[in-house]
Amino acid sequence: MEKINVHQAKTHFSAILEKAHNGEVVIIAKAGKPYARLMPLDTQAARTAGRYPMEIPDSFFDELPESELDVWG
């Protein structure tokens, strides 16, 4: 795990982003103290809602039909 200060991170952001994309975890430090973590995005993670993991189907975000909207006023 690499630790980089904010100035270096701003100057070399593209290279640091590439490291994270390749699986490395990079710690961004401010005044020598860990401030943030840059790590690869897990694109296979399921969306979770609340405390218990559950799959949320993409259809959940579809628009409601007019008949359903009329019920809600």
N, C-alpha and C. Protein backbone atom coordinates (compact mmCIF):
# COMPACT_ATOMS: atom_id res chain seq x y z
N MET A 1 0.85 -1.17 0.00
CA MET A 1 0.00 0.00 0.00
C MET A 1 0.89 1.24 0.00
N GLU A 2 0.73 2.04 -1.02
CA GLU A 2 1.56 3.23 -1.18
C GLU A 2 0.89 4.43 -0.51
N LYS A 3 1.70 5.28 0.11
CA LYS A 3 1.20 6.50 0.75
C LYS A 3 1.75 7.71 -0.01
N ILE A 4 0.86 8.58 -0.46
CA ILE A 4 1.24 9.73 -1.28
C ILE A 4 0.63 10.99 -0.68
N ASN A 5 1.40 12.08 -0.67
CA ASN A 5 0.83 13.32 -0.13
C ASN A 5 -0.07 13.99 -1.17
N VAL A 6 -0.90 14.91 -0.72
CA VAL A 6 -1.89 15.55 -1.57
C VAL A 6 -1.25 16.23 -2.78
N HIS A 7 -0.15 16.94 -2.58
CA HIS A 7 0.50 17.63 -3.69
C HIS A 7 0.93 16.63 -4.78
N GLN A 8 1.55 15.53 -4.38
CA GLN A 8 1.95 14.50 -5.34
C GLN A 8 0.72 13.92 -6.04
N ALA A 9 -0.34 13.72 -5.28
CA ALA A 9 -1.56 13.14 -5.85
C ALA A 9 -2.14 14.07 -6.91
N LYS A 10 -2.15 15.37 -6.65
CA LYS A 10 -2.67 16.32 -7.63
C LYS A 10 -1.77 16.36 -8.87
N THR A 11 -0.48 16.32 -8.65
CA THR A 11 0.47 16.41 -9.76
C THR A 11 0.47 15.16 -10.63
N HIS A 12 0.32 14.00 -10.03
CA HIS A 12 0.44 12.72 -10.75
C HIS A 12 -0.86 11.91 -10.70
N PHE A 13 -2.00 12.60 -10.72
CA PHE A 13 -3.27 11.91 -10.53
C PHE A 13 -3.50 10.79 -11.55
N SER A 14 -3.22 11.03 -12.82
CA SER A 14 -3.46 10.00 -13.84
C SER A 14 -2.67 8.72 -13.55
N ALA A 15 -1.41 8.87 -13.17
CA ALA A 15 -0.58 7.70 -12.87
C ALA A 15 -1.10 6.97 -11.62
N ILE A 16 -1.52 7.72 -10.63
CA ILE A 16 -2.04 7.12 -9.39
C ILE A 16 -3.36 6.41 -9.68
N LEU A 17 -4.20 7.02 -10.50
CA LEU A 17 -5.46 6.41 -10.88
C LEU A 17 -5.22 5.10 -11.62
N GLU A 18 -4.22 5.08 -12.46
CA GLU A 18 -3.87 3.85 -13.19
C GLU A 18 -3.43 2.75 -12.22
N LYS A 19 -2.65 3.12 -11.19
CA LYS A 19 -2.23 2.14 -10.18
C LYS A 19 -3.45 1.52 -9.51
N ALA A 20 -4.41 2.36 -9.13
CA ALA A 20 -5.62 1.86 -8.47
C ALA A 20 -6.40 0.95 -9.42
N HIS A 21 -6.49 1.36 -10.66
CA HIS A 21 -7.20 0.55 -11.65
C HIS A 21 -6.54 -0.82 -11.81
N ASN A 22 -5.24 -0.88 -11.65
CA ASN A 22 -4.49 -2.14 -11.77
C ASN A 22 -4.49 -2.95 -10.48
N GLY A 23 -5.26 -2.53 -9.47
CA GLY A 23 -5.42 -3.33 -8.27
C GLY A 23 -4.69 -2.84 -7.03
N GLU A 24 -3.90 -1.78 -7.15
CA GLU A 24 -3.18 -1.27 -5.98
C GLU A 24 -4.09 -0.38 -5.13
N VAL A 25 -3.80 -0.33 -3.85
CA VAL A 25 -4.47 0.59 -2.95
C VAL A 25 -3.49 1.72 -2.65
N VAL A 26 -3.93 2.95 -2.83
CA VAL A 26 -3.08 4.11 -2.60
C VAL A 26 -3.71 4.96 -1.51
N ILE A 27 -2.92 5.30 -0.50
CA ILE A 27 -3.38 6.15 0.59
C ILE A 27 -2.94 7.58 0.28
N ILE A 28 -3.89 8.51 0.31
CA ILE A 28 -3.59 9.93 0.12
C ILE A 28 -3.45 10.53 1.52
N ALA A 29 -2.32 11.18 1.77
CA ALA A 29 -2.05 11.75 3.09
C ALA A 29 -2.08 13.27 3.03
N LYS A 30 -2.58 13.88 4.09
CA LYS A 30 -2.60 15.33 4.22
C LYS A 30 -1.85 15.66 5.50
N ALA A 31 -0.82 16.47 5.37
CA ALA A 31 0.04 16.80 6.50
C ALA A 31 0.60 15.54 7.15
N GLY A 32 0.90 14.54 6.31
CA GLY A 32 1.51 13.30 6.80
C GLY A 32 0.55 12.30 7.43
N LYS A 33 -0.73 12.66 7.52
CA LYS A 33 -1.72 11.76 8.13
C LYS A 33 -2.63 11.19 7.04
N PRO A 34 -2.92 9.88 7.11
CA PRO A 34 -3.81 9.28 6.12
C PRO A 34 -5.14 10.04 6.05
N TYR A 35 -5.57 10.35 4.83
CA TYR A 35 -6.76 11.19 4.65
C TYR A 35 -7.81 10.49 3.80
N ALA A 36 -7.37 9.72 2.79
CA ALA A 36 -8.30 9.02 1.90
C ALA A 36 -7.62 7.80 1.31
N ARG A 37 -8.44 6.89 0.82
CA ARG A 37 -7.92 5.66 0.20
C ARG A 37 -8.46 5.58 -1.22
N LEU A 38 -7.57 5.38 -2.17
CA LEU A 38 -7.95 5.19 -3.56
C LEU A 38 -7.70 3.73 -3.89
N MET A 39 -8.74 3.05 -4.33
CA MET A 39 -8.63 1.62 -4.58
C MET A 39 -9.49 1.24 -5.77
N PRO A 40 -9.26 0.07 -6.35
CA PRO A 40 -10.04 -0.32 -7.52
C PRO A 40 -11.51 -0.48 -7.16
N LEU A 41 -12.35 -0.15 -8.11
CA LEU A 41 -13.78 -0.29 -7.94
C LEU A 41 -14.17 -1.73 -8.23
N ASP A 42 -14.89 -2.34 -7.32
CA ASP A 42 -15.36 -3.71 -7.52
C ASP A 42 -16.63 -3.66 -8.35
N THR A 43 -16.49 -3.87 -9.64
CA THR A 43 -17.64 -3.77 -10.53
C THR A 43 -18.58 -4.95 -10.41
N GLN A 44 -18.19 -6.00 -9.72
CA GLN A 44 -19.03 -7.18 -9.57
C GLN A 44 -19.88 -7.14 -8.30
N ALA A 45 -19.69 -6.11 -7.47
CA ALA A 45 -20.42 -6.05 -6.21
C ALA A 45 -21.91 -5.82 -6.46
N ALA A 46 -22.73 -6.55 -5.74
CA ALA A 46 -24.17 -6.36 -5.83
C ALA A 46 -24.57 -5.12 -5.06
N ARG A 47 -25.61 -4.44 -5.54
CA ARG A 47 -26.12 -3.30 -4.79
C ARG A 47 -26.73 -3.80 -3.49
N THR A 48 -26.57 -3.05 -2.44
CA THR A 48 -27.16 -3.44 -1.17
C THR A 48 -28.09 -2.34 -0.68
N ALA A 49 -29.07 -2.75 0.06
CA ALA A 49 -30.01 -1.80 0.64
C ALA A 49 -30.13 -2.13 2.13
N GLY A 50 -29.93 -1.13 2.95
CA GLY A 50 -30.05 -1.37 4.39
C GLY A 50 -28.96 -2.25 4.93
N ARG A 51 -29.29 -3.00 5.94
CA ARG A 51 -28.32 -3.80 6.67
C ARG A 51 -28.02 -5.14 6.01
N TYR A 52 -29.02 -5.69 5.31
CA TYR A 52 -28.87 -7.03 4.76
C TYR A 52 -28.67 -6.97 3.25
N PRO A 53 -27.60 -7.57 2.75
CA PRO A 53 -27.35 -7.54 1.31
C PRO A 53 -28.50 -8.18 0.55
N MET A 54 -28.89 -7.54 -0.53
CA MET A 54 -29.93 -8.09 -1.39
C MET A 54 -29.74 -7.54 -2.79
N GLU A 55 -30.12 -8.31 -3.76
CA GLU A 55 -30.04 -7.86 -5.14
C GLU A 55 -31.23 -6.96 -5.44
N ILE A 56 -30.98 -5.82 -6.06
CA ILE A 56 -32.04 -4.92 -6.46
C ILE A 56 -32.08 -4.97 -7.98
N PRO A 57 -33.18 -5.46 -8.55
CA PRO A 57 -33.23 -5.57 -10.02
C PRO A 57 -33.25 -4.19 -10.66
N ASP A 58 -32.66 -4.09 -11.85
CA ASP A 58 -32.65 -2.82 -12.55
C ASP A 58 -34.06 -2.31 -12.83
N SER A 59 -35.03 -3.21 -12.96
CA SER A 59 -36.41 -2.82 -13.23
C SER A 59 -37.01 -2.01 -12.08
N PHE A 60 -36.41 -2.10 -10.90
CA PHE A 60 -36.88 -1.33 -9.74
C PHE A 60 -36.89 0.17 -10.04
N PHE A 61 -35.97 0.60 -10.91
CA PHE A 61 -35.81 2.02 -11.21
C PHE A 61 -36.60 2.46 -12.44
N ASP A 62 -37.39 1.55 -13.03
CA ASP A 62 -38.22 1.91 -14.18
C ASP A 62 -39.34 2.86 -13.75
N GLU A 63 -39.83 3.64 -14.69
CA GLU A 63 -40.94 4.54 -14.39
C GLU A 63 -42.19 3.73 -14.10
N LEU A 64 -43.02 4.25 -13.20
CA LEU A 64 -44.28 3.58 -12.88
C LEU A 64 -45.28 3.83 -14.00
N PRO A 65 -46.16 2.85 -14.24
CA PRO A 65 -47.19 3.07 -15.26
C PRO A 65 -48.20 4.11 -14.76
N GLU A 66 -48.90 4.74 -15.70
CA GLU A 66 -49.88 5.78 -15.37
C GLU A 66 -50.90 5.28 -14.35
N SER A 67 -51.36 4.03 -14.51
CA SER A 67 -52.38 3.47 -13.59
C SER A 67 -51.87 3.48 -12.14
N GLU A 68 -50.60 3.20 -11.95
CA GLU A 68 -50.02 3.20 -10.61
C GLU A 68 -49.85 4.63 -10.10
N LEU A 69 -49.45 5.53 -10.96
CA LEU A 69 -49.29 6.94 -10.55
C LEU A 69 -50.62 7.55 -10.12
N ASP A 70 -51.72 7.16 -10.80
CA ASP A 70 -53.04 7.68 -10.46
C ASP A 70 -53.43 7.29 -9.03
N VAL A 71 -53.05 6.08 -8.62
CA VAL A 71 -53.38 5.60 -7.26
C VAL A 71 -52.69 6.48 -6.21
N TRP A 72 -51.48 6.93 -6.48
CA TRP A 72 -50.72 7.72 -5.53
C TRP A 72 -51.09 9.20 -5.55
N GLY A 73 -51.97 9.57 -6.44
CA GLY A 73 -52.51 10.93 -6.44
C GLY A 73 -51.67 11.92 -7.11
